[in-house]
Amino acid sequence: MNNLKVSVRTMCLSGFLLCVGLMAAALFFQYVQHLEPCPLCIVQRWFVIAIGLALLIGALHNPRVWGQRVYGLFAALFAGLGAAVAARQVWIQNLPPDKQPGCGFDLDTMLSSFPLLKTATLVWAGTSDCAAVTWRFLSLSMAGWMLVVFAGFIVLGFVLVFSKASSRT
């Protein structure tokens, strides 16, 4: 049987390109479809960008095994944090209407008005905007799909961490 070997550079570049596609889709939904992102959506975007940067650096560096583990660890860490935010938003979206958080400040207002720790607490609490489901595909909200995507990035990160693939081709 023929073993299919994918280089570390290819895995990192593919993951980076997926992040670019996700950000392009987010901007399309925001500026073309006029779906305004809530604070939790914006934080998820930050984690997609962080994952993309870690993978881009990994692709450009084309490291040996120790380096692929470092980049994989960062990708998995950022993806895990992004998954936590997406899971929180899915949980908020599935609360009964009387239990959903009320209206809150937008992220820019929070960042300019409150210290970082207070802003993080307010963002984590969510707002009524975070509970609104304005788009679905195959019965999953955008937050639900992001949870799936972040889970995929966690898997990619662990593949990079635990594989002994040679990155030098």
C-alpha atoms as a PDB file:
ATOM      1  CA  MET A   1       0.000   0.000   0.000  1.00  0.00           C
ATOM      2  CA  ASN A   2       1.277   3.447  -0.862  1.00  0.00           C
ATOM      3  CA  ASN A   3       1.772   5.784   2.113  1.00  0.00           C
ATOM      4  CA  LEU A   4       0.575   9.297   1.443  1.00  0.00           C
ATOM      5  CA  LYS A   5       2.914  11.710   3.173  1.00  0.00           C
ATOM      6  CA  VAL A   6       1.960  15.327   3.503  1.00  0.00           C
ATOM      7  CA  SER A   7       4.722  17.719   4.446  1.00  0.00           C
ATOM      8  CA  VAL A   8       4.491  20.000   7.448  1.00  0.00           C
ATOM      9  CA  ARG A   9       4.771  22.972   5.111  1.00  0.00           C
ATOM     10  CA  THR A  10       1.746  21.765   3.117  1.00  0.00           C
ATOM     11  CA  MET A  11      -0.327  21.180   6.267  1.00  0.00           C
ATOM     12  CA  CYS A  12       0.559  24.608   7.667  1.00  0.00           C
ATOM     13  CA  LEU A  13      -0.053  26.373   4.360  1.00  0.00           C
ATOM     14  CA  SER A  14      -3.402  24.597   3.902  1.00  0.00           C
ATOM     15  CA  GLY A  15      -4.485  25.575   7.415  1.00  0.00           C
ATOM     16  CA  PHE A  16      -3.382  29.169   6.820  1.00  0.00           C
ATOM     17  CA  LEU A  17      -5.350  29.328   3.554  1.00  0.00           C
ATOM     18  CA  LEU A  18      -8.414  27.986   5.364  1.00  0.00           C
ATOM     19  CA  CYS A  19      -8.039  30.818   7.896  1.00  0.00           C
ATOM     20  CA  VAL A  20      -7.818  33.335   5.051  1.00  0.00           C
ATOM     21  CA  GLY A  21     -10.996  31.845   3.570  1.00  0.00           C
ATOM     22  CA  LEU A  22     -12.762  32.020   6.935  1.00  0.00           C
ATOM     23  CA  MET A  23     -11.850  35.680   7.355  1.00  0.00           C
ATOM     24  CA  ALA A  24     -12.957  36.429   3.782  1.00  0.00           C
ATOM     25  CA  ALA A  25     -16.287  34.729   4.524  1.00  0.00           C
ATOM     26  CA  ALA A  26     -16.653  36.702   7.765  1.00  0.00           C
ATOM     27  CA  LEU A  27     -16.058  39.973   5.926  1.00  0.00           C
ATOM     28  CA  PHE A  28     -18.481  38.903   3.171  1.00  0.00           C
ATOM     29  CA  PHE A  29     -21.212  38.204   5.732  1.00  0.00           C
ATOM     30  CA  GLN A  30     -20.501  41.498   7.488  1.00  0.00           C
ATOM     31  CA  TYR A  31     -20.141  43.880   4.543  1.00  0.00           C
ATOM     32  CA  VAL A  32     -22.144  42.213   1.765  1.00  0.00           C
ATOM     33  CA  GLN A  33     -24.851  40.355   3.686  1.00  0.00           C
ATOM     34  CA  HIS A  34     -24.964  43.072   6.404  1.00  0.00           C
ATOM     35  CA  LEU A  35     -24.773  40.594   9.317  1.00  0.00           C
ATOM     36  CA  GLU A  36     -23.102  42.570  12.100  1.00  0.00           C
ATOM     37  CA  PRO A  37     -20.778  40.497  14.296  1.00  0.00           C
ATOM     38  CA  CYS A  38     -21.404  40.324  18.034  1.00  0.00           C
ATOM     39  CA  PRO A  39     -18.540  40.619  20.561  1.00  0.00           C
ATOM     40  CA  LEU A  40     -18.104  36.827  20.759  1.00  0.00           C
ATOM     41  CA  CYS A  41     -17.972  36.640  16.937  1.00  0.00           C
ATOM     42  CA  ILE A  42     -15.196  39.238  16.890  1.00  0.00           C
ATOM     43  CA  VAL A  43     -13.202  37.320  19.504  1.00  0.00           C
ATOM     44  CA  GLN A  44     -13.573  34.171  17.382  1.00  0.00           C
ATOM     45  CA  ARG A  45     -12.165  36.131  14.444  1.00  0.00           C
ATOM     46  CA  TRP A  46      -9.138  37.054  16.559  1.00  0.00           C
ATOM     47  CA  PHE A  47      -8.501  33.363  17.256  1.00  0.00           C
ATOM     48  CA  VAL A  48      -8.839  32.490  13.550  1.00  0.00           C
ATOM     49  CA  ILE A  49      -6.250  35.184  12.791  1.00  0.00           C
ATOM     50  CA  ALA A  50      -3.960  33.865  15.568  1.00  0.00           C
ATOM     51  CA  ILE A  51      -4.233  30.303  14.224  1.00  0.00           C
ATOM     52  CA  GLY A  52      -3.564  31.566  10.702  1.00  0.00           C
ATOM     53  CA  LEU A  53      -0.464  33.488  11.792  1.00  0.00           C
ATOM     54  CA  ALA A  54       0.930  30.489  13.687  1.00  0.00           C
ATOM     55  CA  LEU A  55       0.395  28.274  10.643  1.00  0.00           C
ATOM     56  CA  LEU A  56       1.776  30.860   8.204  1.00  0.00           C
ATOM     57  CA  ILE A  57       4.951  31.179  10.261  1.00  0.00           C
ATOM     58  CA  GLY A  58       5.153  27.389  10.357  1.00  0.00           C
ATOM     59  CA  ALA A  59       4.782  27.198   6.582  1.00  0.00           C
ATOM     60  CA  LEU A  60       7.414  29.879   5.968  1.00  0.00           C
ATOM     61  CA  HIS A  61       9.822  28.443   8.538  1.00  0.00           C
ATOM     62  CA  ASN A  62       9.371  24.827   7.405  1.00  0.00           C
ATOM     63  CA  PRO A  63      10.759  23.609  10.739  1.00  0.00           C
ATOM     64  CA  ARG A  64      12.238  20.343  11.851  1.00  0.00           C
ATOM     65  CA  VAL A  65      10.236  18.140  14.221  1.00  0.00           C
ATOM     66  CA  TRP A  66      10.690  20.354  17.316  1.00  0.00           C
ATOM     67  CA  GLY A  67       9.480  23.416  15.408  1.00  0.00           C
ATOM     68  CA  GLN A  68       6.458  21.659  13.942  1.00  0.00           C
ATOM     69  CA  ARG A  69       5.505  20.717  17.503  1.00  0.00           C
ATOM     70  CA  VAL A  70       5.758  24.331  18.644  1.00  0.00           C
ATOM     71  CA  TYR A  71       3.615  25.620  15.770  1.00  0.00           C
ATOM     72  CA  GLY A  72       1.161  22.761  16.248  1.00  0.00           C
ATOM     73  CA  LEU A  73       0.915  23.548  19.948  1.00  0.00           C
ATOM     74  CA  PHE A  74       0.166  27.205  19.248  1.00  0.00           C
ATOM     75  CA  ALA A  75      -2.421  26.290  16.607  1.00  0.00           C
ATOM     76  CA  ALA A  76      -4.092  23.814  18.980  1.00  0.00           C
ATOM     77  CA  LEU A  77      -3.999  26.318  21.868  1.00  0.00           C
ATOM     78  CA  PHE A  78      -5.577  29.141  19.841  1.00  0.00           C
ATOM     79  CA  ALA A  79      -8.103  26.705  18.369  1.00  0.00           C
ATOM     80  CA  GLY A  80      -9.017  25.448  21.837  1.00  0.00           C
ATOM     81  CA  LEU A  81      -9.583  28.986  23.061  1.00  0.00           C
ATOM     82  CA  GLY A  82     -11.619  29.773  19.946  1.00  0.00           C
ATOM     83  CA  ALA A  83     -13.646  26.609  20.468  1.00  0.00           C
ATOM     84  CA  ALA A  84     -14.390  27.685  24.045  1.00  0.00           C
ATOM     85  CA  VAL A  85     -15.718  31.034  22.794  1.00  0.00           C
ATOM     86  CA  ALA A  86     -17.756  29.372  20.028  1.00  0.00           C
ATOM     87  CA  ALA A  87     -19.149  26.816  22.494  1.00  0.00           C
ATOM     88  CA  ARG A  88     -20.113  29.641  24.850  1.00  0.00           C
ATOM     89  CA  GLN A  89     -21.963  31.379  22.013  1.00  0.00           C
ATOM     90  CA  VAL A  90     -23.762  28.171  20.992  1.00  0.00           C
ATOM     91  CA  TRP A  91     -24.784  27.728  24.638  1.00  0.00           C
ATOM     92  CA  ILE A  92     -26.097  31.320  24.786  1.00  0.00           C
ATOM     93  CA  GLN A  93     -27.988  30.800  21.514  1.00  0.00           C
ATOM     94  CA  ASN A  94     -29.712  27.749  22.958  1.00  0.00           C
ATOM     95  CA  LEU A  95     -30.822  29.356  26.216  1.00  0.00           C
ATOM     96  CA  PRO A  96     -34.545  30.002  26.665  1.00  0.00           C
ATOM     97  CA  PRO A  97     -35.400  33.591  25.658  1.00  0.00           C
ATOM     98  CA  ASP A  98     -35.983  34.666  29.258  1.00  0.00           C
ATOM     99  CA  LYS A  99     -32.493  33.434  30.277  1.00  0.00           C
ATOM    100  CA  GLN A 100     -30.559  35.059  27.420  1.00  0.00           C
ATOM    101  CA  PRO A 101     -28.278  37.997  28.270  1.00  0.00           C
ATOM    102  CA  GLY A 102     -29.616  41.481  27.716  1.00  0.00           C
ATOM    103  CA  CYS A 103     -28.283  44.168  25.443  1.00  0.00           C
ATOM    104  CA  GLY A 104     -24.724  45.198  26.082  1.00  0.00           C
ATOM    105  CA  PHE A 105     -22.039  47.470  24.749  1.00  0.00           C
ATOM    106  CA  ASP A 106     -20.310  46.810  21.455  1.00  0.00           C
ATOM    107  CA  LEU A 107     -16.710  45.622  21.648  1.00  0.00           C
ATOM    108  CA  ASP A 108     -15.142  48.977  20.712  1.00  0.00           C
ATOM    109  CA  THR A 109     -17.058  50.751  23.467  1.00  0.00           C
ATOM    110  CA  MET A 110     -16.063  48.098  26.010  1.00  0.00           C
ATOM    111  CA  LEU A 111     -12.377  48.304  25.065  1.00  0.00           C
ATOM    112  CA  SER A 112     -12.323  52.091  25.289  1.00  0.00           C
ATOM    113  CA  SER A 113     -14.417  52.355  28.480  1.00  0.00           C
ATOM    114  CA  PHE A 114     -13.280  49.476  30.683  1.00  0.00           C
ATOM    115  CA  PRO A 115     -10.042  47.833  31.786  1.00  0.00           C
ATOM    116  CA  LEU A 116      -9.084  44.712  29.837  1.00  0.00           C
ATOM    117  CA  LEU A 117     -10.196  42.256  32.542  1.00  0.00           C
ATOM    118  CA  LYS A 118     -13.628  43.901  32.843  1.00  0.00           C
ATOM    119  CA  THR A 119     -13.952  43.928  29.040  1.00  0.00           C
ATOM    120  CA  ALA A 120     -13.083  40.207  28.890  1.00  0.00           C
ATOM    121  CA  THR A 121     -15.713  39.500  31.557  1.00  0.00           C
ATOM    122  CA  LEU A 122     -18.359  41.480  29.660  1.00  0.00           C
ATOM    123  CA  VAL A 123     -17.504  39.839  26.345  1.00  0.00           C
ATOM    124  CA  TRP A 124     -17.655  36.361  27.928  1.00  0.00           C
ATOM    125  CA  ALA A 125     -21.098  37.151  29.352  1.00  0.00           C
ATOM    126  CA  GLY A 126     -22.364  37.822  25.838  1.00  0.00           C
ATOM    127  CA  THR A 127     -25.157  40.087  24.714  1.00  0.00           C
ATOM    128  CA  SER A 128     -28.536  39.684  23.108  1.00  0.00           C
ATOM    129  CA  ASP A 129     -26.698  40.025  19.793  1.00  0.00           C
ATOM    130  CA  CYS A 130     -24.696  36.904  20.679  1.00  0.00           C
ATOM    131  CA  ALA A 131     -27.936  34.983  21.218  1.00  0.00           C
ATOM    132  CA  ALA A 132     -29.423  35.979  17.855  1.00  0.00           C
ATOM    133  CA  VAL A 133     -29.129  33.374  15.113  1.00  0.00           C
ATOM    134  CA  THR A 134     -29.321  35.228  11.804  1.00  0.00           C
ATOM    135  CA  TRP A 135     -27.845  32.512   9.579  1.00  0.00           C
ATOM    136  CA  ARG A 136     -27.955  28.726   9.490  1.00  0.00           C
ATOM    137  CA  PHE A 137     -26.530  26.061   7.236  1.00  0.00           C
ATOM    138  CA  LEU A 138     -27.461  22.397   7.711  1.00  0.00           C
ATOM    139  CA  SER A 139     -29.191  23.446  10.941  1.00  0.00           C
ATOM    140  CA  LEU A 140     -26.002  24.859  12.528  1.00  0.00           C
ATOM    141  CA  SER A 141     -25.548  28.539  13.319  1.00  0.00           C
ATOM    142  CA  MET A 142     -22.327  30.331  12.415  1.00  0.00           C
ATOM    143  CA  ALA A 143     -21.115  29.787  15.973  1.00  0.00           C
ATOM    144  CA  GLY A 144     -21.897  26.088  15.616  1.00  0.00           C
ATOM    145  CA  TRP A 145     -19.889  25.888  12.410  1.00  0.00           C
ATOM    146  CA  MET A 146     -17.013  27.757  14.018  1.00  0.00           C
ATOM    147  CA  LEU A 147     -17.027  25.216  16.838  1.00  0.00           C
ATOM    148  CA  VAL A 148     -16.627  22.477  14.195  1.00  0.00           C
ATOM    149  CA  VAL A 149     -13.868  24.447  12.437  1.00  0.00           C
ATOM    150  CA  PHE A 150     -11.981  25.072  15.677  1.00  0.00           C
ATOM    151  CA  ALA A 151     -12.229  21.348  16.478  1.00  0.00           C
ATOM    152  CA  GLY A 152     -10.643  20.661  13.089  1.00  0.00           C
ATOM    153  CA  PHE A 153      -7.816  23.076  13.859  1.00  0.00           C
ATOM    154  CA  ILE A 154      -7.277  21.342  17.211  1.00  0.00           C
ATOM    155  CA  VAL A 155      -6.876  18.062  15.307  1.00  0.00           C
ATOM    156  CA  LEU A 156      -4.447  19.709  12.867  1.00  0.00           C
ATOM    157  CA  GLY A 157      -2.466  21.128  15.779  1.00  0.00           C
ATOM    158  CA  PHE A 158      -2.247  17.708  17.436  1.00  0.00           C
ATOM    159  CA  VAL A 159      -1.208  16.104  14.138  1.00  0.00           C
ATOM    160  CA  LEU A 160       1.641  18.615  13.963  1.00  0.00           C
ATOM    161  CA  VAL A 161       2.557  18.045  17.610  1.00  0.00           C
ATOM    162  CA  PHE A 162       2.532  14.250  17.570  1.00  0.00           C
ATOM    163  CA  SER A 163       3.555  13.290  14.031  1.00  0.00           C
ATOM    164  CA  LYS A 164       7.141  12.529  13.261  1.00  0.00           C
ATOM    165  CA  ALA A 165       6.845  13.736   9.693  1.00  0.00           C
ATOM    166  CA  SER A 166       9.937  15.156   8.128  1.00  0.00           C
ATOM    167  CA  SER A 167       9.282  18.709   7.110  1.00  0.00           C
ATOM    168  CA  ARG A 168      12.328  19.069   4.898  1.00  0.00           C
ATOM    169  CA  THR A 169      11.448  18.072   1.357  1.00  0.00           C
END
